[in-house]
Amino acid sequence: MRTLKYAILGLLSKEPMTGYDIGKEFSKDLGEFWTAKHSQIYPELKKLLSEELIVYEIQISGEILEKKLYSITEKGKHDFVQWLKKEEPIEPTPKDVFRLRMYFSHHLDAATRLQLVDHQLIQHQERLTHLQQKKERYSQIPSADSEHFGDYLVLDYAIQREMIIIQWLESIIAYSHK
């Protein structure tokens, strides 16, 4: 399945965008749970054009700079909504180098293990702070039909995930002192 296809269609269902704008979205809110590089985005835009799921218009910026402003077609909206309705099987647990290291951490001395855990703990605490700051833009939970509802749900999940990881890391520290 071309998941990037649906991420792009979803973005374009909000508003028309250039390829550059789409790329920026993957480094903002979407970047918290899905990433894509410009080298992936532009070939996917080409496929979406050939499938008639999107169209573009040329916009002139300045004297000669042309940029393509992409927008979703009715066919694209239909395809996107059908994808949204699909039930998805649970994904396999993502690979995580740190967890793999902890699995084999009995080969490490306690000081090295604690140093690795402390480093992870600091990173996750920083990420949690970042996510909580992003959540401050919501004074309340957006209504279920708001375009911000999905962002709120994913942001809430990310915060809870980071809190659980921090709790786990703190428990490793506690286990190590026994």
N, C-alpha and C. Protein backbone atom coordinates (compact mmCIF):
# COMPACT_ATOMS: atom_id res chain seq x y z
N MET A 1 0.85 -1.18 0.00
CA MET A 1 0.00 0.00 0.00
C MET A 1 0.89 1.24 0.00
N ARG A 2 0.49 2.21 -0.74
CA ARG A 2 1.23 3.47 -0.82
C ARG A 2 0.68 4.45 0.21
N THR A 3 1.11 4.32 1.44
CA THR A 3 0.59 5.16 2.51
C THR A 3 0.91 6.63 2.27
N LEU A 4 2.06 6.91 1.68
CA LEU A 4 2.41 8.29 1.38
C LEU A 4 1.36 8.93 0.48
N LYS A 5 0.82 8.15 -0.43
CA LYS A 5 -0.26 8.62 -1.31
C LYS A 5 -1.39 9.22 -0.49
N TYR A 6 -1.80 8.52 0.55
CA TYR A 6 -2.95 8.96 1.35
C TYR A 6 -2.57 10.11 2.29
N ALA A 7 -1.33 10.14 2.73
CA ALA A 7 -0.89 11.28 3.54
C ALA A 7 -0.95 12.56 2.71
N ILE A 8 -0.50 12.46 1.45
CA ILE A 8 -0.53 13.63 0.57
C ILE A 8 -1.97 14.01 0.24
N LEU A 9 -2.80 13.02 -0.07
CA LEU A 9 -4.21 13.32 -0.35
C LEU A 9 -4.87 13.98 0.86
N GLY A 10 -4.54 13.51 2.04
CA GLY A 10 -5.10 14.10 3.26
C GLY A 10 -4.68 15.55 3.43
N LEU A 11 -3.41 15.82 3.17
CA LEU A 11 -2.94 17.20 3.27
C LEU A 11 -3.64 18.09 2.24
N LEU A 12 -3.77 17.58 1.03
CA LEU A 12 -4.41 18.38 -0.02
C LEU A 12 -5.92 18.51 0.19
N SER A 13 -6.49 17.62 1.00
CA SER A 13 -7.92 17.76 1.29
C SER A 13 -8.16 18.95 2.23
N LYS A 14 -7.12 19.38 2.93
CA LYS A 14 -7.22 20.57 3.80
C LYS A 14 -7.14 21.84 2.98
N GLU A 15 -6.15 21.88 2.05
CA GLU A 15 -5.95 23.08 1.23
C GLU A 15 -4.96 22.75 0.11
N PRO A 16 -5.02 23.50 -0.99
CA PRO A 16 -4.02 23.32 -2.06
C PRO A 16 -2.63 23.66 -1.53
N MET A 17 -1.62 22.94 -2.02
CA MET A 17 -0.25 23.14 -1.55
C MET A 17 0.73 22.90 -2.68
N THR A 18 1.90 23.50 -2.54
CA THR A 18 3.01 23.18 -3.44
C THR A 18 3.71 21.92 -2.90
N GLY A 19 4.56 21.33 -3.72
CA GLY A 19 5.34 20.19 -3.25
C GLY A 19 6.20 20.57 -2.06
N TYR A 20 6.74 21.77 -2.11
CA TYR A 20 7.56 22.27 -1.00
C TYR A 20 6.74 22.37 0.28
N ASP A 21 5.51 22.91 0.17
CA ASP A 21 4.62 23.02 1.34
C ASP A 21 4.30 21.64 1.92
N ILE A 22 4.06 20.69 1.04
CA ILE A 22 3.78 19.31 1.49
C ILE A 22 4.97 18.78 2.28
N GLY A 23 6.17 18.99 1.76
CA GLY A 23 7.38 18.56 2.46
C GLY A 23 7.51 19.18 3.83
N LYS A 24 7.16 20.47 3.94
CA LYS A 24 7.24 21.16 5.24
C LYS A 24 6.27 20.54 6.25
N GLU A 25 5.11 20.08 5.78
CA GLU A 25 4.14 19.46 6.69
C GLU A 25 4.70 18.20 7.34
N PHE A 26 5.57 17.50 6.62
CA PHE A 26 6.16 16.28 7.17
C PHE A 26 7.23 16.60 8.22
N SER A 27 7.63 17.84 8.31
CA SER A 27 8.58 18.20 9.37
C SER A 27 7.87 18.93 10.50
N LYS A 28 6.56 19.11 10.37
CA LYS A 28 5.78 19.76 11.43
C LYS A 28 4.92 18.69 12.12
N ASP A 29 3.62 18.89 12.14
CA ASP A 29 2.71 18.00 12.87
C ASP A 29 2.79 16.54 12.42
N LEU A 30 2.77 16.30 11.12
CA LEU A 30 2.85 14.93 10.63
C LEU A 30 4.15 14.25 11.04
N GLY A 31 5.20 15.05 11.15
CA GLY A 31 6.51 14.50 11.50
C GLY A 31 6.57 13.84 12.86
N GLU A 32 5.56 14.05 13.67
CA GLU A 32 5.51 13.40 14.99
C GLU A 32 5.22 11.90 14.86
N PHE A 33 4.66 11.49 13.69
CA PHE A 33 4.33 10.07 13.54
C PHE A 33 4.52 9.54 12.13
N TRP A 34 4.81 10.40 11.16
CA TRP A 34 5.03 9.93 9.79
C TRP A 34 6.00 10.87 9.11
N THR A 35 6.95 10.32 8.38
CA THR A 35 7.93 11.16 7.70
C THR A 35 7.98 10.83 6.22
N ALA A 36 8.40 11.80 5.45
CA ALA A 36 8.64 11.62 4.02
C ALA A 36 9.63 12.69 3.58
N LYS A 37 10.50 12.31 2.67
CA LYS A 37 11.49 13.23 2.15
C LYS A 37 11.00 13.78 0.81
N HIS A 38 11.56 14.91 0.42
CA HIS A 38 11.20 15.50 -0.88
C HIS A 38 11.42 14.49 -2.00
N SER A 39 12.45 13.66 -1.87
CA SER A 39 12.76 12.67 -2.91
C SER A 39 11.67 11.60 -3.01
N GLN A 40 10.84 11.47 -1.99
CA GLN A 40 9.70 10.54 -2.03
C GLN A 40 8.43 11.27 -2.47
N ILE A 41 8.30 12.51 -2.06
CA ILE A 41 7.07 13.27 -2.29
C ILE A 41 6.85 13.55 -3.77
N TYR A 42 7.88 14.03 -4.46
CA TYR A 42 7.68 14.43 -5.85
C TYR A 42 7.34 13.27 -6.78
N PRO A 43 7.97 12.10 -6.65
CA PRO A 43 7.53 10.96 -7.47
C PRO A 43 6.08 10.56 -7.16
N GLU A 44 5.70 10.67 -5.88
CA GLU A 44 4.32 10.32 -5.51
C GLU A 44 3.34 11.32 -6.10
N LEU A 45 3.69 12.60 -6.12
CA LEU A 45 2.84 13.61 -6.75
C LEU A 45 2.64 13.28 -8.24
N LYS A 46 3.69 12.85 -8.88
CA LYS A 46 3.62 12.48 -10.31
C LYS A 46 2.64 11.32 -10.50
N LYS A 47 2.71 10.31 -9.63
CA LYS A 47 1.78 9.17 -9.71
C LYS A 47 0.34 9.63 -9.48
N LEU A 48 0.15 10.48 -8.48
CA LEU A 48 -1.19 10.98 -8.16
C LEU A 48 -1.78 11.76 -9.33
N LEU A 49 -0.94 12.52 -10.02
CA LEU A 49 -1.37 13.24 -11.22
C LEU A 49 -1.81 12.27 -12.31
N SER A 50 -1.00 11.24 -12.54
CA SER A 50 -1.33 10.28 -13.60
C SER A 50 -2.59 9.48 -13.27
N GLU A 51 -2.87 9.31 -11.97
CA GLU A 51 -4.09 8.59 -11.55
C GLU A 51 -5.31 9.53 -11.47
N GLU A 52 -5.09 10.80 -11.79
CA GLU A 52 -6.13 11.83 -11.78
C GLU A 52 -6.74 12.03 -10.40
N LEU A 53 -5.92 11.84 -9.36
CA LEU A 53 -6.36 12.05 -7.99
C LEU A 53 -6.06 13.48 -7.53
N ILE A 54 -5.13 14.12 -8.23
CA ILE A 54 -4.81 15.52 -7.97
C ILE A 54 -4.62 16.25 -9.31
N VAL A 55 -4.68 17.55 -9.25
CA VAL A 55 -4.37 18.41 -10.39
C VAL A 55 -3.48 19.53 -9.87
N TYR A 56 -2.93 20.32 -10.78
CA TYR A 56 -2.15 21.47 -10.34
C TYR A 56 -2.40 22.64 -11.27
N GLU A 57 -2.11 23.80 -10.75
CA GLU A 57 -2.10 25.01 -11.56
C GLU A 57 -0.75 25.67 -11.34
N ILE A 58 -0.26 26.30 -12.37
CA ILE A 58 1.02 26.99 -12.29
C ILE A 58 0.78 28.38 -11.71
N GLN A 59 1.58 28.72 -10.72
CA GLN A 59 1.54 30.06 -10.16
C GLN A 59 2.88 30.72 -10.41
N ILE A 60 2.83 31.97 -10.78
CA ILE A 60 4.06 32.72 -11.02
C ILE A 60 4.37 33.50 -9.75
N SER A 61 5.60 33.35 -9.30
CA SER A 61 6.06 34.07 -8.11
C SER A 61 7.20 34.97 -8.54
N GLY A 62 7.03 36.26 -8.35
CA GLY A 62 8.06 37.19 -8.81
C GLY A 62 7.99 37.34 -10.32
N GLU A 63 9.15 37.50 -10.95
CA GLU A 63 9.21 37.71 -12.40
C GLU A 63 9.07 36.41 -13.19
N ILE A 64 9.81 35.37 -12.77
CA ILE A 64 9.85 34.16 -13.60
C ILE A 64 9.67 32.85 -12.83
N LEU A 65 9.68 32.89 -11.52
CA LEU A 65 9.62 31.66 -10.74
C LEU A 65 8.23 31.05 -10.83
N GLU A 66 8.17 29.83 -11.35
CA GLU A 66 6.91 29.11 -11.46
C GLU A 66 6.86 28.05 -10.37
N LYS A 67 5.68 27.89 -9.79
CA LYS A 67 5.50 26.79 -8.85
C LYS A 67 4.15 26.15 -9.11
N LYS A 68 4.10 24.85 -8.83
CA LYS A 68 2.86 24.10 -9.04
C LYS A 68 2.09 24.06 -7.73
N LEU A 69 0.84 24.48 -7.80
CA LEU A 69 -0.04 24.42 -6.63
C LEU A 69 -0.99 23.24 -6.86
N TYR A 70 -0.80 22.19 -6.05
CA TYR A 70 -1.57 20.96 -6.20
C TYR A 70 -2.86 21.04 -5.41
N SER A 71 -3.91 20.44 -5.95
CA SER A 71 -5.18 20.31 -5.22
C SER A 71 -5.78 18.96 -5.53
N ILE A 72 -6.61 18.49 -4.64
CA ILE A 72 -7.20 17.17 -4.75
C ILE A 72 -8.45 17.24 -5.65
N THR A 73 -8.66 16.20 -6.43
CA THR A 73 -9.85 16.12 -7.29
C THR A 73 -10.97 15.39 -6.53
N GLU A 74 -12.15 15.39 -7.10
CA GLU A 74 -13.26 14.63 -6.49
C GLU A 74 -12.91 13.15 -6.42
N LYS A 75 -12.29 12.64 -7.48
CA LYS A 75 -11.84 11.24 -7.50
C LYS A 75 -10.84 11.00 -6.37
N GLY A 76 -9.95 11.96 -6.17
CA GLY A 76 -8.96 11.86 -5.09
C GLY A 76 -9.61 11.87 -3.73
N LYS A 77 -10.61 12.74 -3.54
CA LYS A 77 -11.34 12.79 -2.26
C LYS A 77 -12.03 11.46 -1.99
N HIS A 78 -12.65 10.91 -3.02
CA HIS A 78 -13.35 9.62 -2.86
C HIS A 78 -12.36 8.52 -2.47
N ASP A 79 -11.24 8.47 -3.18
CA ASP A 79 -10.21 7.46 -2.90
C ASP A 79 -9.67 7.62 -1.47
N PHE A 80 -9.45 8.85 -1.06
CA PHE A 80 -8.94 9.14 0.28
C PHE A 80 -9.93 8.69 1.35
N VAL A 81 -11.20 9.02 1.19
CA VAL A 81 -12.22 8.65 2.18
C VAL A 81 -12.37 7.13 2.25
N GLN A 82 -12.29 6.45 1.11
CA GLN A 82 -12.36 4.98 1.13
C GLN A 82 -11.19 4.40 1.92
N TRP A 83 -10.02 4.98 1.77
CA TRP A 83 -8.86 4.54 2.53
C TRP A 83 -9.05 4.80 4.03
N LEU A 84 -9.62 5.96 4.37
CA LEU A 84 -9.86 6.28 5.78
C LEU A 84 -10.78 5.26 6.44
N LYS A 85 -11.74 4.74 5.70
CA LYS A 85 -12.74 3.81 6.25
C LYS A 85 -12.21 2.39 6.44
N LYS A 86 -11.07 2.09 5.83
CA LYS A 86 -10.51 0.73 5.89
C LYS A 86 -10.04 0.38 7.29
N GLU A 87 -10.39 -0.81 7.74
CA GLU A 87 -9.83 -1.29 9.01
C GLU A 87 -8.42 -1.78 8.77
N GLU A 88 -7.58 -1.53 9.72
CA GLU A 88 -6.16 -1.82 9.58
C GLU A 88 -5.74 -2.84 10.63
N PRO A 89 -5.04 -3.90 10.22
CA PRO A 89 -4.51 -4.82 11.24
C PRO A 89 -3.41 -4.12 12.03
N ILE A 90 -3.20 -4.57 13.25
CA ILE A 90 -2.17 -3.96 14.08
C ILE A 90 -0.80 -4.19 13.42
N GLU A 91 0.01 -3.15 13.45
CA GLU A 91 1.35 -3.22 12.86
C GLU A 91 2.28 -4.00 13.78
N PRO A 92 3.30 -4.62 13.22
CA PRO A 92 4.30 -5.24 14.10
C PRO A 92 4.98 -4.15 14.92
N THR A 93 5.49 -4.53 16.06
CA THR A 93 6.19 -3.58 16.92
C THR A 93 7.35 -2.99 16.14
N PRO A 94 7.46 -1.65 16.14
CA PRO A 94 8.57 -1.04 15.38
C PRO A 94 9.92 -1.42 15.96
N LYS A 95 10.90 -1.46 15.09
CA LYS A 95 12.26 -1.75 15.53
C LYS A 95 12.75 -0.59 16.39
N ASP A 96 13.49 -0.92 17.42
CA ASP A 96 14.01 0.09 18.33
C ASP A 96 15.37 -0.38 18.82
N VAL A 97 16.41 0.27 18.36
CA VAL A 97 17.78 -0.12 18.69
C VAL A 97 18.01 -0.07 20.19
N PHE A 98 17.49 0.95 20.86
CA PHE A 98 17.70 1.05 22.31
C PHE A 98 17.08 -0.14 23.04
N ARG A 99 15.86 -0.51 22.70
CA ARG A 99 15.24 -1.66 23.37
C ARG A 99 16.02 -2.93 23.10
N LEU A 100 16.55 -3.07 21.89
CA LEU A 100 17.38 -4.24 21.57
C LEU A 100 18.62 -4.26 22.46
N ARG A 101 19.23 -3.08 22.64
CA ARG A 101 20.40 -3.01 23.52
C ARG A 101 20.03 -3.37 24.96
N MET A 102 18.90 -2.91 25.42
CA MET A 102 18.48 -3.23 26.79
C MET A 102 18.21 -4.72 26.95
N TYR A 103 17.71 -5.35 25.90
CA TYR A 103 17.46 -6.79 25.94
C TYR A 103 18.75 -7.55 26.23
N PHE A 104 19.84 -7.07 25.66
CA PHE A 104 21.14 -7.71 25.85
C PHE A 104 22.02 -6.97 26.86
N SER A 105 21.44 -6.10 27.65
CA SER A 105 22.23 -5.22 28.52
C SER A 105 22.94 -5.94 29.67
N HIS A 106 22.63 -7.20 29.88
CA HIS A 106 23.35 -7.93 30.94
C HIS A 106 24.84 -8.06 30.59
N HIS A 107 25.19 -7.79 29.33
CA HIS A 107 26.60 -7.83 28.92
C HIS A 107 27.32 -6.52 29.24
N LEU A 108 26.59 -5.52 29.71
CA LEU A 108 27.17 -4.22 30.04
C LEU A 108 27.41 -4.10 31.53
N ASP A 109 28.39 -3.28 31.89
CA ASP A 109 28.54 -2.98 33.31
C ASP A 109 27.42 -2.00 33.69
N ALA A 110 27.11 -1.93 34.96
CA ALA A 110 25.98 -1.13 35.44
C ALA A 110 26.13 0.35 35.08
N ALA A 111 27.33 0.89 35.17
CA ALA A 111 27.54 2.31 34.89
C ALA A 111 27.24 2.63 33.42
N THR A 112 27.66 1.77 32.52
CA THR A 112 27.41 1.99 31.09
C THR A 112 25.92 1.89 30.80
N ARG A 113 25.28 0.88 31.37
CA ARG A 113 23.83 0.72 31.17
C ARG A 113 23.10 1.97 31.68
N LEU A 114 23.44 2.44 32.85
CA LEU A 114 22.79 3.63 33.41
C LEU A 114 23.05 4.88 32.56
N GLN A 115 24.25 4.98 32.03
CA GLN A 115 24.56 6.12 31.15
C GLN A 115 23.67 6.09 29.91
N LEU A 116 23.50 4.93 29.32
CA LEU A 116 22.63 4.80 28.14
C LEU A 116 21.18 5.14 28.49
N VAL A 117 20.73 4.65 29.63
CA VAL A 117 19.35 4.91 30.06
C VAL A 117 19.16 6.39 30.35
N ASP A 118 20.10 6.99 31.04
CA ASP A 118 20.01 8.43 31.34
C ASP A 118 19.92 9.26 30.06
N HIS A 119 20.72 8.90 29.08
CA HIS A 119 20.70 9.63 27.81
C HIS A 119 19.33 9.51 27.14
N GLN A 120 18.77 8.30 27.13
CA GLN A 120 17.43 8.10 26.57
C GLN A 120 16.39 8.89 27.36
N LEU A 121 16.50 8.86 28.68
CA LEU A 121 15.55 9.55 29.54
C LEU A 121 15.53 11.06 29.24
N ILE A 122 16.68 11.64 29.09
CA ILE A 122 16.76 13.08 28.78
C ILE A 122 16.09 13.37 27.44
N GLN A 123 16.37 12.54 26.44
CA GLN A 123 15.77 12.76 25.12
C GLN A 123 14.25 12.65 25.16
N HIS A 124 13.74 11.67 25.87
CA HIS A 124 12.29 11.48 25.94
C HIS A 124 11.62 12.58 26.79
N GLN A 125 12.30 13.04 27.82
CA GLN A 125 11.76 14.16 28.59
C GLN A 125 11.68 15.43 27.73
N GLU A 126 12.71 15.65 26.91
CA GLU A 126 12.69 16.80 26.00
C GLU A 126 11.56 16.67 24.98
N ARG A 127 11.37 15.48 24.45
CA ARG A 127 10.31 15.26 23.47
C ARG A 127 8.94 15.47 24.13
N LEU A 128 8.78 14.98 25.36
CA LEU A 128 7.52 15.16 26.08
C LEU A 128 7.24 16.65 26.28
N THR A 129 8.24 17.40 26.69
CA THR A 129 8.07 18.84 26.87
C THR A 129 7.64 19.50 25.56
N HIS A 130 8.28 19.13 24.47
CA HIS A 130 7.94 19.67 23.15
C HIS A 130 6.48 19.36 22.79
N LEU A 131 6.06 18.13 23.01
CA LEU A 131 4.69 17.73 22.69
C LEU A 131 3.68 18.45 23.57
N GLN A 132 3.99 18.57 24.85
CA GLN A 132 3.09 19.28 25.75
C GLN A 132 2.96 20.75 25.37
N GLN A 133 4.04 21.35 24.90
CA GLN A 133 3.98 22.74 24.44
C GLN A 133 3.09 22.85 23.20
N LYS A 134 3.18 21.86 22.31
CA LYS A 134 2.32 21.87 21.13
C LYS A 134 0.85 21.73 21.52
N LYS A 135 0.59 20.97 22.58
CA LYS A 135 -0.79 20.74 23.01
C LYS A 135 -1.39 22.00 23.63
N GLU A 136 -0.54 22.91 24.08
CA GLU A 136 -1.03 24.15 24.70
C GLU A 136 -1.85 25.01 23.74
N ARG A 137 -1.71 24.77 22.44
CA ARG A 137 -2.50 25.56 21.48
C ARG A 137 -3.98 25.19 21.53
N TYR A 138 -4.29 24.10 22.23
CA TYR A 138 -5.68 23.69 22.40
C TYR A 138 -6.14 24.03 23.81
N SER A 139 -7.09 24.91 23.91
CA SER A 139 -7.64 25.24 25.23
C SER A 139 -8.66 24.19 25.65
N GLN A 140 -9.16 23.45 24.66
CA GLN A 140 -10.10 22.35 24.93
C GLN A 140 -9.97 21.33 23.81
N ILE A 141 -10.58 20.18 24.00
CA ILE A 141 -10.55 19.15 22.97
C ILE A 141 -11.40 19.64 21.79
N PRO A 142 -10.82 19.65 20.57
CA PRO A 142 -11.61 20.08 19.41
C PRO A 142 -12.80 19.15 19.17
N SER A 143 -13.85 19.67 18.58
CA SER A 143 -15.02 18.84 18.28
C SER A 143 -14.62 17.75 17.28
N ALA A 144 -15.32 16.64 17.31
CA ALA A 144 -14.98 15.48 16.49
C ALA A 144 -15.05 15.77 14.99
N ASP A 145 -15.77 16.80 14.57
CA ASP A 145 -15.84 17.12 13.14
C ASP A 145 -14.90 18.27 12.75
N SER A 146 -14.07 18.71 13.69
CA SER A 146 -13.09 19.76 13.42
C SER A 146 -11.89 19.16 12.70
N GLU A 147 -11.28 19.94 11.81
CA GLU A 147 -10.07 19.46 11.13
C GLU A 147 -8.91 19.30 12.11
N HIS A 148 -9.02 19.85 13.32
CA HIS A 148 -7.96 19.75 14.33
C HIS A 148 -8.13 18.54 15.26
N PHE A 149 -9.27 17.86 15.15
CA PHE A 149 -9.55 16.74 16.05
C PHE A 149 -8.50 15.62 15.90
N GLY A 150 -8.19 15.25 14.66
CA GLY A 150 -7.21 14.19 14.42
C GLY A 150 -5.83 14.57 14.95
N ASP A 151 -5.44 15.82 14.75
CA ASP A 151 -4.16 16.29 15.27
C ASP A 151 -4.15 16.17 16.79
N TYR A 152 -5.24 16.56 17.41
CA TYR A 152 -5.33 16.48 18.87
C TYR A 152 -5.20 15.02 19.34
N LEU A 153 -5.90 14.10 18.67
CA LEU A 153 -5.84 12.68 19.05
C LEU A 153 -4.42 12.14 18.96
N VAL A 154 -3.75 12.43 17.86
CA VAL A 154 -2.40 11.91 17.66
C VAL A 154 -1.42 12.56 18.64
N LEU A 155 -1.61 13.83 18.90
CA LEU A 155 -0.77 14.54 19.87
C LEU A 155 -0.96 13.97 21.27
N ASP A 156 -2.20 13.70 21.64
CA ASP A 156 -2.50 13.11 22.94
C ASP A 156 -1.85 11.73 23.06
N TYR A 157 -1.94 10.94 21.99
CA TYR A 157 -1.29 9.62 21.97
C TYR A 157 0.22 9.76 22.16
N ALA A 158 0.83 10.69 21.43
CA ALA A 158 2.28 10.88 21.51
C ALA A 158 2.71 11.26 22.92
N ILE A 159 1.92 12.10 23.58
CA ILE A 159 2.23 12.49 24.96
C ILE A 159 2.15 11.29 25.89
N GLN A 160 1.09 10.51 25.75
CA GLN A 160 0.95 9.32 26.60
C GLN A 160 2.07 8.32 26.34
N ARG A 161 2.44 8.16 25.06
CA ARG A 161 3.54 7.25 24.71
C ARG A 161 4.82 7.69 25.39
N GLU A 162 5.14 8.98 25.32
CA GLU A 162 6.38 9.47 25.93
C GLU A 162 6.34 9.30 27.45
N MET A 163 5.18 9.51 28.06
CA MET A 163 5.08 9.33 29.51
C MET A 163 5.33 7.88 29.91
N ILE A 164 4.83 6.95 29.12
CA ILE A 164 5.04 5.51 29.39
C ILE A 164 6.52 5.16 29.21
N ILE A 165 7.13 5.67 28.16
CA ILE A 165 8.56 5.38 27.93
C ILE A 165 9.40 5.95 29.08
N ILE A 166 9.09 7.16 29.52
CA ILE A 166 9.82 7.76 30.64
C ILE A 166 9.63 6.92 31.90
N GLN A 167 8.43 6.47 32.13
CA GLN A 167 8.16 5.61 33.29
C GLN A 167 8.98 4.33 33.20
N TRP A 168 9.05 3.74 32.02
CA TRP A 168 9.83 2.52 31.81
C TRP A 168 11.31 2.77 32.06
N LEU A 169 11.84 3.87 31.53
CA LEU A 169 13.25 4.20 31.73
C LEU A 169 13.56 4.42 33.21
N GLU A 170 12.66 5.10 33.90
CA GLU A 170 12.86 5.31 35.34
C GLU A 170 12.83 3.99 36.10
N SER A 171 12.02 3.05 35.63
CA SER A 171 11.99 1.74 36.30
C SER A 171 13.29 0.97 36.05
N ILE A 172 13.89 1.15 34.87
CA ILE A 172 15.19 0.51 34.61
C ILE A 172 16.23 1.05 35.60
N ILE A 173 16.20 2.35 35.82
CA ILE A 173 17.13 2.95 36.77
C ILE A 173 16.90 2.37 38.18
N ALA A 174 15.64 2.25 38.56
CA ALA A 174 15.30 1.70 39.88
C ALA A 174 15.74 0.24 39.98
N TYR A 175 15.50 -0.56 38.92
CA TYR A 175 15.92 -1.98 38.92
C TYR A 175 17.44 -2.08 39.05
N SER A 176 18.14 -1.17 38.43
CA SER A 176 19.60 -1.22 38.41
C SER A 176 20.20 -0.93 39.78
N HIS A 177 19.44 -0.26 40.65
CA HIS A 177 19.95 0.08 41.98
C HIS A 177 19.59 -0.97 43.03
N LYS A 178 18.95 -2.04 42.61
CA LYS A 178 18.57 -3.10 43.57
C LYS A 178 19.66 -4.12 43.70
